[in-house]
Amino acid sequence: MIIKTVKLKVILNFALISTLFLYSTITMAHSIPLSKLTGQFDEKKDSNFIALDSTVLPVNKKGMYLQKEPTEQLIKAYNDFKKIHPDIPFIVVSATRNYTYQNGIWQRKWDALLQKINDPQNIAAEILKFSSMPGTSRHHWGTDIDITSLSSEFFKQDKKGIILYKWLQENMPKYGFCQAFNEGRKGGYLPEEWHWSYKPIASQYIAEYKAILDSDPNKVIQTLNFTGHDKIKLTELVKEYVLSVNSDCY
């Protein structure tokens, strides 16, 4: 009886170790490269990305890309919306933005605010109301889009904007999208009615990003070299603005 019990324990331990090894292998196989998390790649040369202007989706400028799966789901959402509201604009105004592109946005805003504000931390706080630090934007992932307008007033006061936002809130989850920056969060960006994220993929990206920030934040921090990065509470800000998103997007 004792021998059988010992054998059973050995078998169970072996099974547990095998399971953990398999899980670790799968996890490693599906880990997302840091360069993809921080946008330090060229989406136009990535075979998993598609140019939105080559699809039926209306765009406000050419050269915007998105991963294929969210593109397919976004097209379904767009087509269904247009069946009901043919006269209301549903336009992609922003999609994937890599590190270089985001750095240009940051640099322009930093230079403009530097004429009015002396404290780097306050400059960063002002920019971060709506714009990300390079390397920290969800738009790096190829899963997020901005729809029709970047103005909260449009979605709250304009008749067409109100109809569009109500439809987005009620229907986008059916296609896998969540509103990344909703009301009621304790930190991070101001609410963005226009910003929608493809959860099946984006949730993997934020989980990977969080794991790195929890275990070795310097792994991310050392890749960030934008203007002012060395004059602000960088690690603290990265954690707040990357992780303070709608709980439905996790």
Protein backbone atom coordinates (compact mmCIF):
# COMPACT_ATOMS: atom_id res chain seq x y z
CA MET A 1 0.00 0.00 0.00
CA ILE A 2 2.86 2.35 0.91
CA ILE A 3 4.67 1.50 -2.32
CA LYS A 4 1.53 2.22 -4.37
CA THR A 5 1.10 5.56 -2.59
CA VAL A 6 4.71 6.54 -3.30
CA LYS A 7 4.34 5.54 -6.95
CA LEU A 8 1.14 7.58 -7.21
CA LYS A 9 2.89 10.64 -5.76
CA VAL A 10 5.76 10.22 -8.22
CA ILE A 11 3.32 9.98 -11.13
CA LEU A 12 1.37 13.03 -9.96
CA ASN A 13 4.56 15.04 -9.46
CA PHE A 14 5.78 14.07 -12.92
CA ALA A 15 2.42 15.05 -14.41
CA LEU A 16 2.55 18.40 -12.62
CA ILE A 17 6.09 19.11 -13.80
CA SER A 18 5.17 18.10 -17.35
CA THR A 19 2.15 20.39 -17.29
CA LEU A 20 4.17 23.32 -15.98
CA PHE A 21 6.84 22.73 -18.61
CA LEU A 22 4.24 22.56 -21.37
CA TYR A 23 2.59 25.75 -20.09
CA SER A 24 5.95 27.50 -19.92
CA THR A 25 6.80 26.36 -23.45
CA ILE A 26 3.47 27.56 -24.82
CA THR A 27 3.79 30.87 -22.98
CA MET A 28 7.29 31.44 -24.33
CA ALA A 29 6.18 30.48 -27.84
CA HIS A 30 3.41 33.05 -27.74
CA SER A 31 5.34 35.84 -26.00
CA ILE A 32 5.24 39.17 -27.80
CA PRO A 33 8.57 40.80 -28.73
CA LEU A 34 9.36 43.97 -26.80
CA SER A 35 9.82 45.79 -30.10
CA LYS A 36 6.17 45.08 -30.93
CA LEU A 37 4.97 46.19 -27.50
CA THR A 38 6.80 49.50 -27.78
CA GLY A 39 6.15 50.15 -31.46
CA GLN A 40 9.76 49.90 -32.55
CA PHE A 41 9.07 48.24 -35.88
CA ASP A 42 7.71 49.15 -39.31
CA GLU A 43 4.10 48.02 -39.62
CA LYS A 44 4.21 48.60 -43.39
CA LYS A 45 6.75 45.79 -43.73
CA ASP A 46 4.91 43.40 -41.40
CA SER A 47 2.94 40.72 -43.25
CA ASN A 48 0.36 40.58 -40.46
CA PHE A 49 -0.68 44.19 -41.09
CA ILE A 50 -2.96 45.48 -43.82
CA ALA A 51 -3.32 48.96 -45.33
CA LEU A 52 -6.76 50.25 -44.41
CA ASP A 53 -7.03 52.31 -47.60
CA SER A 54 -6.99 49.01 -49.52
CA THR A 55 -10.24 47.99 -47.80
CA VAL A 56 -13.81 49.35 -47.84
CA LEU A 57 -13.15 51.28 -44.66
CA PRO A 58 -13.26 55.08 -45.07
CA VAL A 59 -10.02 56.70 -43.87
CA ASN A 60 -9.05 60.34 -43.50
CA LYS A 61 -5.55 59.70 -44.84
CA LYS A 62 -3.67 56.99 -46.69
CA GLY A 63 -0.92 54.87 -45.20
CA MET A 64 -2.70 53.69 -42.04
CA TYR A 65 -2.29 50.04 -41.10
CA LEU A 66 -3.91 47.58 -38.72
CA GLN A 67 -3.45 43.91 -37.93
CA LYS A 68 -5.53 41.68 -40.21
CA GLU A 69 -7.89 40.19 -37.63
CA PRO A 70 -9.07 43.50 -36.13
CA THR A 71 -9.34 44.89 -39.66
CA GLU A 72 -11.72 42.09 -40.64
CA GLN A 73 -13.87 42.67 -37.56
CA LEU A 74 -13.84 46.44 -38.02
CA ILE A 75 -15.10 46.02 -41.59
CA LYS A 76 -18.01 43.94 -40.27
CA ALA A 77 -18.81 46.62 -37.70
CA TYR A 78 -18.62 49.37 -40.32
CA ASN A 79 -20.87 47.53 -42.77
CA ASP A 80 -23.47 46.81 -40.10
CA PHE A 81 -23.43 50.41 -38.90
CA LYS A 82 -23.90 51.76 -42.41
CA LYS A 83 -26.93 49.55 -43.01
CA ILE A 84 -28.68 51.41 -40.20
CA HIS A 85 -27.05 54.85 -40.40
CA PRO A 86 -25.90 55.45 -44.01
CA ASP A 87 -25.60 59.22 -43.53
CA ILE A 88 -23.55 59.24 -40.32
CA PRO A 89 -19.75 59.27 -40.76
CA PHE A 90 -17.83 56.21 -39.59
CA ILE A 91 -14.24 57.04 -40.54
CA VAL A 92 -10.92 55.68 -39.29
CA VAL A 93 -8.87 58.74 -38.37
CA SER A 94 -5.98 56.90 -36.71
CA ALA A 95 -4.74 53.32 -36.56
CA THR A 96 -1.25 51.90 -35.99
CA ARG A 97 1.31 54.49 -34.94
CA ASN A 98 4.82 53.19 -34.45
CA TYR A 99 7.43 54.63 -32.09
CA THR A 100 8.84 57.03 -34.68
CA TYR A 101 5.42 58.43 -35.55
CA GLN A 102 4.45 58.81 -31.89
CA ASN A 103 7.78 60.45 -31.15
CA GLY A 104 6.98 63.10 -33.75
CA ILE A 105 3.68 63.87 -32.01
CA TRP A 106 5.40 64.05 -28.62
CA GLN A 107 8.23 66.24 -29.88
CA ARG A 108 5.90 68.78 -31.50
CA LYS A 109 3.77 69.08 -28.38
CA TRP A 110 6.79 69.25 -26.08
CA ASP A 111 8.39 72.04 -28.10
CA ALA A 112 5.14 74.04 -28.15
CA LEU A 113 4.52 73.68 -24.41
CA LEU A 114 8.12 74.46 -23.54
CA GLN A 115 7.40 78.06 -24.54
CA LYS A 116 4.75 78.27 -21.79
CA ILE A 117 5.71 75.76 -19.09
CA ASN A 118 9.09 75.45 -17.39
CA ASP A 119 8.61 72.24 -15.40
CA PRO A 120 9.19 69.07 -17.50
CA GLN A 121 6.83 67.05 -15.31
CA ASN A 122 4.03 69.55 -15.95
CA ILE A 123 4.76 69.55 -19.67
CA ALA A 124 4.46 65.77 -19.72
CA ALA A 125 1.23 65.88 -17.70
CA GLU A 126 -0.31 68.27 -20.22
CA ILE A 127 0.69 66.14 -23.21
CA LEU A 128 -0.49 62.97 -21.49
CA LYS A 129 -4.06 64.17 -21.28
CA PHE A 130 -4.56 62.80 -24.78
CA SER A 131 -1.19 61.80 -26.27
CA SER A 132 1.08 58.92 -25.31
CA MET A 133 4.76 58.80 -24.57
CA PRO A 134 6.54 57.04 -27.45
CA GLY A 135 6.82 53.36 -26.60
CA THR A 136 3.68 53.32 -24.44
CA SER A 137 0.80 53.84 -26.87
CA ARG A 138 -1.82 51.17 -27.52
CA HIS A 139 -1.71 52.38 -31.12
CA HIS A 140 1.71 50.69 -31.38
CA TRP A 141 0.01 47.29 -31.29
CA GLY A 142 -2.01 47.37 -34.49
CA THR A 143 -5.18 46.66 -32.52
CA ASP A 144 -6.53 50.14 -31.84
CA ILE A 145 -8.31 52.72 -33.95
CA ASP A 146 -9.77 56.19 -33.53
CA ILE A 147 -13.16 56.67 -35.14
CA THR A 148 -14.51 59.79 -36.92
CA SER A 149 -13.52 62.56 -34.47
CA LEU A 150 -10.98 63.27 -31.73
CA SER A 151 -13.37 65.62 -29.96
CA SER A 152 -15.50 64.61 -26.99
CA GLU A 153 -17.86 67.44 -27.89
CA PHE A 154 -18.71 65.70 -31.17
CA PHE A 155 -19.78 62.52 -29.38
CA LYS A 156 -21.63 64.33 -26.59
CA GLN A 157 -23.22 67.33 -28.31
CA ASP A 158 -23.42 66.72 -32.06
CA LYS A 159 -26.56 64.80 -33.07
CA LYS A 160 -24.70 62.45 -35.41
CA GLY A 161 -21.90 62.00 -32.89
CA ILE A 162 -24.35 61.04 -30.16
CA ILE A 163 -25.95 58.40 -32.40
CA LEU A 164 -22.54 57.05 -33.45
CA TYR A 165 -21.24 56.82 -29.88
CA LYS A 166 -24.39 55.08 -28.64
CA TRP A 167 -24.05 52.52 -31.43
CA LEU A 168 -20.35 52.01 -30.71
CA GLN A 169 -21.01 51.43 -27.01
CA GLU A 170 -23.83 48.98 -27.65
CA ASN A 171 -22.37 47.10 -30.61
CA MET A 172 -18.57 47.23 -30.83
CA PRO A 173 -18.13 44.52 -28.16
CA LYS A 174 -19.95 42.13 -30.53
CA TYR A 175 -16.98 42.47 -32.91
CA GLY A 176 -14.36 42.16 -30.16
CA PHE A 177 -13.74 45.86 -29.50
CA CYS A 178 -13.74 47.70 -26.17
CA GLN A 179 -13.47 51.41 -25.35
CA ALA A 180 -9.97 51.63 -23.90
CA PHE A 181 -10.33 54.97 -22.13
CA ASN A 182 -13.78 55.21 -20.64
CA GLU A 183 -15.17 57.26 -17.76
CA GLY A 184 -14.46 56.26 -14.17
CA ARG A 185 -10.82 55.18 -14.33
CA LYS A 186 -8.57 56.36 -11.48
CA GLY A 187 -5.65 57.46 -13.63
CA GLY A 188 -4.23 57.67 -17.12
CA TYR A 189 -5.65 59.50 -20.10
CA LEU A 190 -8.84 61.52 -20.19
CA PRO A 191 -11.87 59.67 -21.60
CA GLU A 192 -11.75 59.05 -25.35
CA GLU A 193 -15.06 58.19 -26.96
CA TRP A 194 -13.32 57.63 -30.29
CA HIS A 195 -10.65 55.13 -29.20
CA TRP A 196 -11.58 51.46 -29.66
CA SER A 197 -9.34 48.46 -29.04
CA TYR A 198 -9.54 44.91 -30.39
CA LYS A 199 -9.58 42.97 -27.14
CA PRO A 200 -8.70 39.41 -28.30
CA ILE A 201 -5.23 40.60 -29.30
CA ALA A 202 -4.75 43.81 -27.29
CA SER A 203 -5.45 41.97 -24.03
CA GLN A 204 -2.44 39.74 -24.77
CA TYR A 205 -0.27 42.78 -25.42
CA ILE A 206 -1.21 44.56 -22.21
CA ALA A 207 -0.76 41.34 -20.21
CA GLU A 208 2.74 40.97 -21.63
CA TYR A 209 3.52 44.65 -21.02
CA LYS A 210 2.26 44.40 -17.42
CA ALA A 211 4.32 41.28 -16.78
CA ILE A 212 7.47 43.12 -17.85
CA LEU A 213 6.62 46.23 -15.80
CA ASP A 214 6.00 44.04 -12.75
CA SER A 215 9.16 41.96 -13.07
CA ASP A 216 11.75 44.16 -14.79
CA PRO A 217 10.46 47.65 -15.72
CA ASN A 218 13.92 48.76 -16.79
CA LYS A 219 13.61 46.39 -19.73
CA VAL A 220 11.05 48.81 -21.15
CA ILE A 221 12.43 52.04 -19.70
CA GLN A 222 15.85 51.64 -21.32
CA THR A 223 14.24 51.53 -24.78
CA LEU A 224 12.54 54.93 -24.34
CA ASN A 225 14.63 57.85 -25.49
CA PHE A 226 12.17 60.65 -26.29
CA THR A 227 12.64 64.29 -25.33
CA GLY A 228 12.23 64.77 -21.58
CA HIS A 229 12.35 61.07 -20.69
CA ASP A 230 15.20 61.74 -18.27
CA LYS A 231 13.47 64.72 -16.64
CA ILE A 232 10.19 63.09 -15.59
CA LYS A 233 9.09 60.24 -13.32
CA LEU A 234 9.27 57.88 -16.26
CA THR A 235 8.69 54.48 -14.67
CA GLU A 236 5.77 55.76 -12.62
CA LEU A 237 4.17 57.42 -15.65
CA VAL A 238 4.66 54.41 -17.92
CA LYS A 239 2.90 52.14 -15.42
CA GLU A 240 0.01 54.57 -14.96
CA TYR A 241 -0.65 55.33 -18.60
CA VAL A 242 -0.14 51.84 -20.00
CA LEU A 243 -2.18 50.05 -17.35
CA SER A 244 -4.98 52.53 -16.51
CA VAL A 245 -7.49 51.30 -19.06
CA ASN A 246 -11.07 50.10 -19.08
CA SER A 247 -11.27 46.85 -17.08
CA ASP A 248 -13.29 45.40 -19.97
CA CYS A 249 -10.15 45.63 -22.13
CA TYR A 250 -8.09 43.28 -19.94
